[in-house]
């Protein structure tokens, strides 16, 4: 299982499901990586999303 995270002012922020407060999890690295790349392409800040194994 994989999650998408980023550092925000020293704290780790985890991507959540849109309709809940639960962490969005992925069964395979490729799916998580593709979403992280898409999120980062639309993010102009230095807080880039990254994939971590859960």
C-alpha atoms as a PDB file:
ATOM      1  CA  UNK A   1       0.000   0.000   0.000  1.00  0.00           C
ATOM      2  CA  UNK A   2       1.176   3.521  -0.816  1.00  0.00           C
ATOM      3  CA  UNK A   3       0.206   7.037   0.261  1.00  0.00           C
ATOM      4  CA  UNK A   4       0.997  10.498  -1.087  1.00  0.00           C
ATOM      5  CA  UNK A   5       2.625  12.963   1.313  1.00  0.00           C
ATOM      6  CA  UNK A   6       4.400  16.324   1.410  1.00  0.00           C
ATOM      7  CA  UNK A   7       6.155  18.464   3.997  1.00  0.00           C
ATOM      8  CA  UNK A   8       4.276  21.598   5.077  1.00  0.00           C
ATOM      9  CA  UNK A   9       6.168  23.855   7.531  1.00  0.00           C
ATOM     10  CA  UNK A  10       8.011  20.843   8.944  1.00  0.00           C
ATOM     11  CA  UNK A  11       4.857  18.739   9.371  1.00  0.00           C
ATOM     12  CA  UNK A  12       3.951  15.838   7.090  1.00  0.00           C
ATOM     13  CA  UNK A  13       0.683  16.353   5.212  1.00  0.00           C
ATOM     14  CA  UNK A  14      -1.065  13.286   3.760  1.00  0.00           C
ATOM     15  CA  UNK A  15      -3.403  13.389   0.783  1.00  0.00           C
ATOM     16  CA  UNK A  16      -6.960  12.563   1.918  1.00  0.00           C
ATOM     17  CA  UNK A  17      -9.957  11.108   0.105  1.00  0.00           C
ATOM     18  CA  UNK A  18     -12.144  13.929  -1.149  1.00  0.00           C
ATOM     19  CA  UNK A  19     -15.259  12.899   0.804  1.00  0.00           C
ATOM     20  CA  UNK A  20     -13.653  11.909   4.116  1.00  0.00           C
ATOM     21  CA  UNK A  21     -10.759  12.483   6.478  1.00  0.00           C
ATOM     22  CA  UNK A  22      -9.179   9.117   5.628  1.00  0.00           C
ATOM     23  CA  UNK A  23      -5.805   8.876   3.908  1.00  0.00           C
ATOM     24  CA  UNK A  24      -5.999   8.116   0.205  1.00  0.00           C
ATOM     25  CA  UNK A  25      -4.227   4.796  -0.308  1.00  0.00           C
ATOM     26  CA  UNK A  26      -3.056   3.031  -3.451  1.00  0.00           C
ATOM     27  CA  UNK A  27      -2.384  -0.661  -4.009  1.00  0.00           C
ATOM     28  CA  UNK A  28       0.479  -0.083  -6.443  1.00  0.00           C
ATOM     29  CA  UNK A  29       3.293   2.430  -6.710  1.00  0.00           C
ATOM     30  CA  UNK A  30       2.558   3.345 -10.328  1.00  0.00           C
ATOM     31  CA  UNK A  31      -0.969   4.648  -9.599  1.00  0.00           C
ATOM     32  CA  UNK A  32       0.237   6.701  -6.655  1.00  0.00           C
ATOM     33  CA  UNK A  33       3.195   8.047  -8.624  1.00  0.00           C
ATOM     34  CA  UNK A  34       1.019   9.123 -11.561  1.00  0.00           C
ATOM     35  CA  UNK A  35      -1.342  11.075  -9.266  1.00  0.00           C
ATOM     36  CA  UNK A  36       1.584  12.685  -7.420  1.00  0.00           C
ATOM     37  CA  UNK A  37       3.050  13.810 -10.750  1.00  0.00           C
ATOM     38  CA  UNK A  38      -0.307  15.274 -11.787  1.00  0.00           C
ATOM     39  CA  UNK A  39      -0.681  17.109  -8.471  1.00  0.00           C
ATOM     40  CA  UNK A  40       2.871  18.474  -8.705  1.00  0.00           C
ATOM     41  CA  UNK A  41       2.318  19.714 -12.254  1.00  0.00           C
ATOM     42  CA  UNK A  42      -0.503  21.910 -10.910  1.00  0.00           C
ATOM     43  CA  UNK A  43       1.399  23.039  -7.790  1.00  0.00           C
ATOM     44  CA  UNK A  44       3.590  26.125  -7.976  1.00  0.00           C
ATOM     45  CA  UNK A  45       4.948  25.888  -4.444  1.00  0.00           C
ATOM     46  CA  UNK A  46       8.081  24.118  -3.262  1.00  0.00           C
ATOM     47  CA  UNK A  47       5.904  21.683  -1.286  1.00  0.00           C
ATOM     48  CA  UNK A  48       5.934  18.824  -3.768  1.00  0.00           C
ATOM     49  CA  UNK A  49       3.941  15.623  -3.271  1.00  0.00           C
ATOM     50  CA  UNK A  50       5.846  12.349  -2.929  1.00  0.00           C
ATOM     51  CA  UNK A  51       4.885   8.664  -2.738  1.00  0.00           C
ATOM     52  CA  UNK A  52       5.642   6.712   0.449  1.00  0.00           C
ATOM     53  CA  UNK A  53       5.061   3.079   1.282  1.00  0.00           C
ATOM     54  CA  UNK A  54       2.480   2.714   4.011  1.00  0.00           C
END
